[in-house]
Protein backbone atom coordinates (compact mmCIF):
# COMPACT_ATOMS: atom_id res chain seq x y z
CA UNK A 1 103.37 55.75 113.27
CA UNK A 2 103.11 59.29 112.45
CA UNK A 3 106.12 61.86 113.14
CA UNK A 4 105.73 64.17 115.65
CA UNK A 5 105.37 67.20 114.20
CA UNK A 6 108.31 69.58 114.58
CA UNK A 7 109.31 73.71 115.06
CA UNK A 8 111.62 74.50 112.20
CA UNK A 9 114.23 78.00 112.42
CA UNK A 10 114.10 79.54 108.64
CA UNK A 11 115.71 82.63 107.88
CA UNK A 12 114.79 83.76 103.95
CA UNK A 13 116.16 87.51 103.55
CA UNK A 14 114.89 88.26 99.91
CA UNK A 15 112.26 87.40 97.70
CA UNK A 16 113.85 85.11 95.60
CA UNK A 17 114.70 83.74 98.89
CA UNK A 18 111.01 84.11 100.00
CA UNK A 19 110.35 81.53 96.93
CA UNK A 20 111.91 79.00 98.12
CA UNK A 21 111.44 79.10 101.24
CA UNK A 22 107.46 78.56 100.48
CA UNK A 23 107.87 75.97 97.99
CA UNK A 24 109.82 73.97 100.85
CA UNK A 25 107.23 74.53 103.58
CA UNK A 26 104.55 73.18 101.27
CA UNK A 27 106.95 70.08 100.57
CA UNK A 28 107.90 69.46 104.38
CA UNK A 29 104.88 69.60 105.44
CA UNK A 30 103.57 66.39 102.95
CA UNK A 31 106.19 64.79 105.57
CA UNK A 32 104.75 66.82 108.51
CA UNK A 33 101.64 68.16 108.18
CA UNK A 34 101.23 69.85 111.63
CA UNK A 35 104.86 71.58 111.43
CA UNK A 36 105.54 75.10 111.97
CA UNK A 37 108.34 77.48 111.40
CA UNK A 38 110.00 79.94 113.25
CA UNK A 39 112.42 82.97 112.30
CA UNK A 40 112.12 85.72 108.89
CA UNK A 41 109.99 84.98 105.83
CA UNK A 42 108.59 87.12 102.93
CA UNK A 43 104.67 86.61 102.15
CA UNK A 44 104.86 83.48 99.85
CA UNK A 45 106.14 81.93 103.37
CA UNK A 46 103.53 83.63 105.30
CA UNK A 47 100.79 82.08 103.34
CA UNK A 48 101.55 78.73 104.09
CA UNK A 49 100.28 79.09 107.30
CA UNK A 50 102.84 77.09 108.75
CA UNK A 51 105.17 80.48 109.31
CA UNK A 52 105.57 82.56 112.57
CA UNK A 53 107.15 85.61 111.08
CA UNK A 54 110.12 87.43 113.67
CA UNK A 55 110.78 90.33 111.69
CA UNK A 56 110.24 92.04 108.55
CA UNK A 57 112.09 90.32 105.79
CA UNK A 58 112.65 93.57 104.32
CA UNK A 59 115.11 94.81 106.87
CA UNK A 60 117.33 92.19 106.01
CA UNK A 61 116.98 92.88 101.71
CA UNK A 62 119.31 95.29 101.51
CA UNK A 63 121.93 95.41 98.50
CA UNK A 64 125.51 96.87 97.99
CA UNK A 65 128.17 97.86 100.15
CA UNK A 66 126.75 100.99 101.15
CA UNK A 67 123.17 100.09 101.73
CA UNK A 68 124.92 96.88 104.14
CA UNK A 69 126.70 99.68 105.68
CA UNK A 70 124.09 102.12 106.16
CA UNK A 71 122.39 99.49 107.68
CA UNK A 72 124.81 97.07 109.43
CA UNK A 73 123.81 97.76 112.95
CA UNK A 74 120.57 97.27 112.62
CA UNK A 75 120.68 93.83 110.56
CA UNK A 76 123.71 92.27 113.33
CA UNK A 77 120.88 92.98 116.22
CA UNK A 78 118.48 91.34 114.33
CA UNK A 79 120.89 88.49 113.44
CA UNK A 80 121.81 88.49 117.46
CA UNK A 81 117.60 88.49 118.54
CA UNK A 82 117.45 85.27 116.62
CA UNK A 83 119.84 83.78 117.83
CA UNK A 84 118.73 84.08 121.25
CA UNK A 85 115.39 83.14 120.07
CA UNK A 86 116.33 80.28 119.45
CA UNK A 87 118.47 78.99 121.59
CA UNK A 88 116.25 79.51 124.29
CA UNK A 89 113.70 77.96 122.22
CA UNK A 90 115.44 75.87 120.40
CA UNK A 91 114.35 74.55 117.10
CA UNK A 92 114.83 70.86 115.78
CA UNK A 93 116.55 72.57 112.55
CA UNK A 94 117.80 75.90 111.64
CA UNK A 95 117.18 76.16 107.84
CA UNK A 96 119.27 79.23 106.47
CA UNK A 97 117.82 80.27 102.70
CA UNK A 98 120.56 82.01 100.86
CA UNK A 99 121.80 85.10 102.78
CA UNK A 100 125.18 84.48 103.28
CA UNK A 101 126.47 87.07 105.04
CA UNK A 102 123.32 86.74 107.67
CA UNK A 103 122.95 83.26 107.82
CA UNK A 104 126.29 81.76 108.06
CA UNK A 105 127.29 83.52 111.28
CA UNK A 106 123.51 82.09 113.18
CA UNK A 107 124.38 79.25 111.90
CA UNK A 108 127.30 78.99 113.46
CA UNK A 109 126.07 79.91 116.97
CA UNK A 110 123.28 77.63 116.55
CA UNK A 111 125.51 74.39 115.58
CA UNK A 112 127.49 75.04 118.34
CA UNK A 113 124.68 74.19 120.66
CA UNK A 114 124.71 71.49 118.67
CA UNK A 115 121.10 72.70 116.73
CA UNK A 116 121.59 71.15 113.00
CA UNK A 117 121.43 73.94 110.66
CA UNK A 118 120.61 73.40 106.55
CA UNK A 119 122.21 76.56 104.27
CA UNK A 120 119.75 76.11 101.43
CA UNK A 121 121.37 77.56 98.58
CA UNK A 122 125.65 77.50 98.14
CA UNK A 123 127.07 80.95 98.20
CA UNK A 124 129.07 81.58 94.63
CA UNK A 125 132.60 79.87 96.37
CA UNK A 126 133.19 78.69 92.63
CA UNK A 127 133.29 82.31 91.31
CA UNK A 128 134.80 84.43 94.81
CA UNK A 129 135.53 84.49 97.85
CA UNK A 130 136.07 80.51 97.82
CA UNK A 131 137.60 80.79 101.69
CA UNK A 132 134.10 80.77 103.07
CA UNK A 133 134.32 76.87 102.57
CA UNK A 134 136.23 76.98 105.63
CA UNK A 135 133.08 78.84 107.93
CA UNK A 136 130.88 76.84 105.73
CA UNK A 137 131.91 73.55 107.48
CA UNK A 138 131.91 74.75 110.63
CA UNK A 139 128.60 76.47 110.29
CA UNK A 140 126.82 74.04 108.37
CA UNK A 141 125.75 70.41 109.04
CA UNK A 142 124.14 69.88 105.25
CA UNK A 143 124.58 72.02 102.30
CA UNK A 144 121.94 71.76 99.31
CA UNK A 145 123.02 72.58 96.33
CA UNK A 146 120.92 73.82 92.86
CA UNK A 147 124.09 73.25 90.64
CA UNK A 148 125.39 69.73 90.44
CA UNK A 149 129.18 70.96 89.73
CA UNK A 150 128.74 72.43 93.39
CA UNK A 151 128.08 69.67 95.57
CA UNK A 152 131.70 68.14 94.55
CA UNK A 153 133.54 71.11 96.00
CA UNK A 154 131.52 70.04 99.33
CA UNK A 155 132.30 66.74 99.30
CA UNK A 156 135.61 67.56 98.19
CA UNK A 157 136.05 69.74 102.07
CA UNK A 158 134.26 67.09 103.82
CA UNK A 159 131.26 68.69 104.04
CA UNK A 160 127.63 66.66 104.38
CA UNK A 161 125.57 68.26 100.82
CA UNK A 162 122.75 67.27 98.41
CA UNK A 163 122.60 68.28 94.68
CA UNK A 164 119.00 69.17 94.62
CA UNK A 165 118.08 70.75 91.26
CA UNK A 166 117.10 74.47 90.15
CA UNK A 167 113.42 75.34 91.32
CA UNK A 168 113.54 77.57 87.47
CA UNK A 169 113.80 74.57 85.50
CA UNK A 170 110.85 72.91 87.19
CA UNK A 171 108.74 76.30 86.71
CA UNK A 172 110.38 76.54 83.20
CA UNK A 173 110.29 73.10 81.79
CA UNK A 174 106.72 73.07 80.64
CA UNK A 175 106.55 76.98 79.37
CA UNK A 176 104.99 77.65 76.27
CA UNK A 177 107.77 77.63 73.43
CA UNK A 178 108.44 80.52 70.37
CA UNK A 179 105.22 80.10 69.11
CA UNK A 180 102.74 80.53 71.80
CA UNK A 181 104.37 82.92 73.15
CA UNK A 182 104.35 85.35 70.25
CA UNK A 183 100.18 84.58 69.61
CA UNK A 184 100.04 85.66 73.62
CA UNK A 185 102.32 88.84 73.23
CA UNK A 186 100.01 89.64 69.26
CA UNK A 187 103.68 89.63 67.36
CA UNK A 188 104.14 88.00 64.28
CA UNK A 189 104.64 84.75 63.71
CA UNK A 190 107.32 85.32 60.42
CA UNK A 191 109.05 88.19 62.92
CA UNK A 192 112.79 88.60 64.13
CA UNK A 193 112.14 89.92 67.61
CA UNK A 194 115.20 90.03 69.63
CA UNK A 195 114.08 90.72 73.80
CA UNK A 196 116.91 93.28 76.01
CA UNK A 197 116.76 92.51 79.55
CA UNK A 198 119.22 95.87 80.68
CA UNK A 199 118.37 93.94 84.50
CA UNK A 200 116.11 94.44 87.51
CA UNK A 201 117.24 96.77 89.69
CA UNK A 202 117.69 100.83 89.53
CA UNK A 203 121.53 100.49 89.45
CA UNK A 204 121.77 98.42 86.40
CA UNK A 205 119.28 100.45 84.49
CA UNK A 206 121.50 103.84 85.34
CA UNK A 207 124.26 101.76 83.45
CA UNK A 208 123.43 99.72 81.50
CA UNK A 209 119.82 101.18 79.73
CA UNK A 210 121.83 103.60 77.09
CA UNK A 211 124.07 100.61 75.78
CA UNK A 212 120.92 98.55 75.28
CA UNK A 213 118.92 101.80 73.38
CA UNK A 214 122.04 102.31 71.37
CA UNK A 215 122.59 98.53 70.56
CA UNK A 216 118.78 98.06 69.83
CA UNK A 217 119.43 101.46 67.32
CA UNK A 218 122.45 99.34 65.78
CA UNK A 219 120.77 96.10 65.19
CA UNK A 220 117.62 98.28 63.70
CA UNK A 221 120.12 99.54 60.69
CA UNK A 222 121.04 96.30 59.19
CA UNK A 223 117.43 94.93 60.03
CA UNK A 224 115.05 97.62 60.21
CA UNK A 225 112.18 95.32 60.85
CA UNK A 226 113.36 94.00 63.83
CA UNK A 227 110.87 93.65 66.81
CA UNK A 228 111.87 94.62 69.79
CA UNK A 229 110.10 93.60 73.84
CA UNK A 230 112.10 95.45 76.79
CA UNK A 231 110.16 94.04 79.88
CA UNK A 232 110.35 96.22 82.73
CA UNK A 233 110.40 94.91 86.35
CA UNK A 234 108.69 97.68 87.99
CA UNK A 235 107.50 101.70 87.23
CA UNK A 236 110.66 102.98 87.99
CA UNK A 237 112.90 100.86 85.91
CA UNK A 238 110.74 100.92 82.99
CA UNK A 239 110.55 105.17 83.67
CA UNK A 240 114.39 104.73 83.36
CA UNK A 241 114.56 102.98 80.31
CA UNK A 242 111.85 105.02 78.86
CA UNK A 243 113.82 108.50 79.43
CA UNK A 244 116.75 106.39 77.65
CA UNK A 245 114.71 106.00 74.88
CA UNK A 246 113.68 109.53 74.77
CA UNK A 247 117.29 110.75 75.69
CA UNK A 248 118.90 108.58 72.58
CA UNK A 249 116.72 110.15 70.56
CA UNK A 250 115.30 106.14 69.66
CA UNK A 251 111.71 107.17 68.57
CA UNK A 252 111.13 105.51 65.50
CA UNK A 253 112.61 102.02 67.08
CA UNK A 254 109.72 98.76 67.44
CA UNK A 255 109.91 99.08 70.81
CA UNK A 256 107.24 96.72 72.74
CA UNK A 257 107.98 98.15 76.55
CA UNK A 258 106.51 95.53 79.08
CA UNK A 259 105.69 95.10 83.14
CA UNK A 260 106.91 91.55 83.95
CA UNK A 261 105.97 89.52 81.11
CA UNK A 262 109.50 88.82 81.17
CA UNK A 263 109.12 85.27 80.52
CA UNK A 264 107.16 85.62 77.66
CA UNK A 265 109.49 87.78 76.06
CA UNK A 266 112.31 85.62 76.32
CA UNK A 267 110.24 82.73 75.21
CA UNK A 268 109.21 84.52 71.88
CA UNK A 269 112.51 86.11 70.80
CA UNK A 270 114.25 84.72 68.73
CA UNK A 271 117.46 86.37 70.88
CA UNK A 272 117.78 87.31 74.37
CA UNK A 273 120.01 90.14 75.10
CA UNK A 274 120.38 89.99 78.80
CA UNK A 275 122.34 91.93 81.51
CA UNK A 276 124.71 89.00 83.13
CA UNK A 277 122.43 87.70 85.96
CA UNK A 278 120.13 84.69 87.13
CA UNK A 279 118.14 85.92 83.93
CA UNK A 280 120.76 84.44 81.96
CA UNK A 281 120.02 80.81 83.29
CA UNK A 282 115.92 81.46 82.85
CA UNK A 283 116.86 82.18 78.75
CA UNK A 284 118.75 78.83 78.98
CA UNK A 285 116.14 76.78 80.13
CA UNK A 286 114.17 78.99 78.21
CA UNK A 287 116.11 76.65 75.26
CA UNK A 288 117.19 80.78 73.89
CA UNK A 289 119.60 81.93 72.51
CA UNK A 290 121.34 85.17 73.89
CA UNK A 291 124.59 87.41 74.32
CA UNK A 292 125.34 88.34 77.62
CA UNK A 293 126.30 91.60 79.02
CA UNK A 294 127.35 94.33 81.53
CA UNK A 295 128.76 97.72 83.06
CA UNK A 296 129.32 98.96 86.76
CA UNK A 297 130.84 101.48 87.73
CA UNK A 298 135.00 100.90 87.02
CA UNK A 299 135.74 100.98 90.94
CA UNK A 300 132.98 98.23 91.39
CA UNK A 301 134.72 96.63 88.17
CA UNK A 302 137.89 96.20 89.21
CA UNK A 303 137.18 95.08 92.86
CA UNK A 304 135.02 92.04 90.71
CA UNK A 305 137.57 91.91 88.03
CA UNK A 306 140.75 91.20 91.08
CA UNK A 307 138.58 88.67 93.00
CA UNK A 308 136.26 86.46 90.29
CA UNK A 309 138.26 82.89 89.54
CA UNK A 310 136.57 81.73 86.32
CA UNK A 311 136.95 84.18 82.89
CA UNK A 312 133.14 83.86 82.47
CA UNK A 313 129.94 85.31 84.23
CA UNK A 314 127.17 83.88 82.91
CA UNK A 315 126.19 81.13 83.92
CA UNK A 316 124.92 79.38 80.74
CA UNK A 317 128.88 79.34 80.42
CA UNK A 318 129.64 78.73 83.69
CA UNK A 319 127.44 75.40 83.85
CA UNK A 320 129.25 74.39 80.29
CA UNK A 321 132.15 75.06 81.07
CA UNK A 322 133.55 77.06 78.01
CA UNK A 323 132.12 80.07 76.32
CA UNK A 324 128.71 78.97 74.90
CA UNK A 325 127.39 82.25 74.89
CA UNK A 326 129.08 85.25 73.78
CA UNK A 327 129.89 87.98 76.84
CA UNK A 328 130.52 91.18 76.39
CA UNK A 329 131.80 93.16 79.72
CA UNK A 330 133.02 96.55 80.66
CA UNK A 331 134.84 98.38 77.56
CA UNK A 332 133.76 95.66 75.67
CA UNK A 333 129.93 96.10 75.81
CA UNK A 334 129.20 98.38 72.88
CA UNK A 335 126.59 98.66 71.28
CA UNK A 336 128.45 97.65 67.74
CA UNK A 337 130.06 94.31 69.64
CA UNK A 338 126.58 93.93 71.06
CA UNK A 339 124.81 94.51 67.88
CA UNK A 340 126.66 92.37 65.90
CA UNK A 341 126.34 89.57 68.34
CA UNK A 342 123.10 89.14 67.88
CA UNK A 343 122.48 89.50 63.68
CA UNK A 344 125.40 86.87 64.16
CA UNK A 345 122.99 84.55 65.98
CA UNK A 346 120.02 85.77 64.09
CA UNK A 347 121.47 84.61 61.02
CA UNK A 348 123.16 81.55 61.76
CA UNK A 349 120.71 79.03 62.39
CA UNK A 350 122.41 76.07 62.51
CA UNK A 351 124.37 77.89 65.63
CA UNK A 352 121.09 78.44 67.83
CA UNK A 353 120.05 75.24 66.84
CA UNK A 354 123.15 74.08 68.92
CA UNK A 355 122.70 76.36 71.05
CA UNK A 356 119.12 75.25 71.54
CA UNK A 357 120.44 71.66 72.05
CA UNK A 358 122.84 72.40 74.52
CA UNK A 359 120.70 74.75 76.55
CA UNK A 360 118.13 71.67 76.47
CA UNK A 361 120.78 69.40 78.30
CA UNK A 362 121.31 71.81 81.23
CA UNK A 363 117.42 72.39 81.50
CA UNK A 364 117.02 67.69 82.40
CA UNK A 365 119.68 67.94 84.53
CA UNK A 366 118.67 70.94 86.25
CA UNK A 367 114.99 69.88 86.57
CA UNK A 368 115.03 67.79 89.59
CA UNK A 369 111.61 68.14 91.56
CA UNK A 370 113.80 70.88 93.50
CA UNK A 371 111.58 71.28 96.64
CA UNK A 372 110.87 67.64 97.34
CA UNK A 373 114.03 66.76 96.93
CA UNK A 374 115.54 69.75 99.52
CA UNK A 375 112.67 68.18 101.64
CA UNK A 376 113.77 64.41 101.39
CA UNK A 377 117.29 65.65 102.01
CA UNK A 378 116.30 67.39 105.73
CA UNK A 379 114.51 64.51 106.91
CA UNK A 380 117.45 62.39 108.47
CA UNK A 381 118.50 65.61 110.04
CA UNK A 382 114.94 66.22 111.68
CA UNK A 383 114.61 62.47 112.63
CA UNK A 384 117.78 63.10 113.82
CA UNK A 385 116.93 65.38 116.28
CA UNK A 386 113.92 63.62 117.38
CA UNK A 387 115.67 60.54 118.38
């Protein structure tokens, strides 16, 4: 006997959540072909044909303390209206996709009204603001985690949890290797190639574009034949990086600035120099040796330094539980330090091979058919709601 098709509430707050949400919607439709989703989603979720969007996702895609405060009343108003909608027309289940500052408060209200709630992507309570786990316990019927070590944290707190793997591992597991990527980008097979990834946000380019250009110049002093690939996500970040090249008078550097193609650039590189963030996980899943760096305004750095729990910030090091990748943060992030670390990796074949082996272990652990496992973890809650 076929299951009845439920209505599921869902909220994603930014592009990464939109992608996760779309994959999950399609996975759940394999179990419930007529399922309908209502809430907030982006173009990928809407393209499934099963999503009714009540508010534009762009309203929630706000970053930074100042920007959040500027839009605070509007965001709170949207959350209040969503809660009213779901309490008047209760869904079989509510799924909050990431966006914890928005979704956890909404989940609190819905769970109190006996609507099952799932939170998909654990907040980084292992890195900072660990006290949120008490709120999560009140708000969430089930947590879905992307990293294996996260599940134990929730189990110990008495919160139902399923580890579902990371979608990037599913996507990047079969990505073309170094030789094929160089051929695609028309790079010499024997070249020494360094990928430069100073960030995807304007604020990151503002803080780090000069640092990355100066580091490339420092590397070129010791390795004049080095080729640099700098993939940029949009015109604005590309302009900022090009301006830094001219400002630092680095006209002679062999830098190829790309529109997009970050995965191809990393896969084609001998070494990746990356700003801390998801891109470092992507580099690890592509099994590329890397150096991690980050700089931010000093006031923000002081706040973050006093809140974080771990000595490392890079996701590969967090997953490994030790420093396997060099990190140079804030005052240590100098062109000399970064260039030397990159040159060390370029010259030490055995070290690169050891890193690639560690990264392959990470890839296999995270490659779990994330959307399919997430759907399977959610099914008992839907069956319980139907009963």
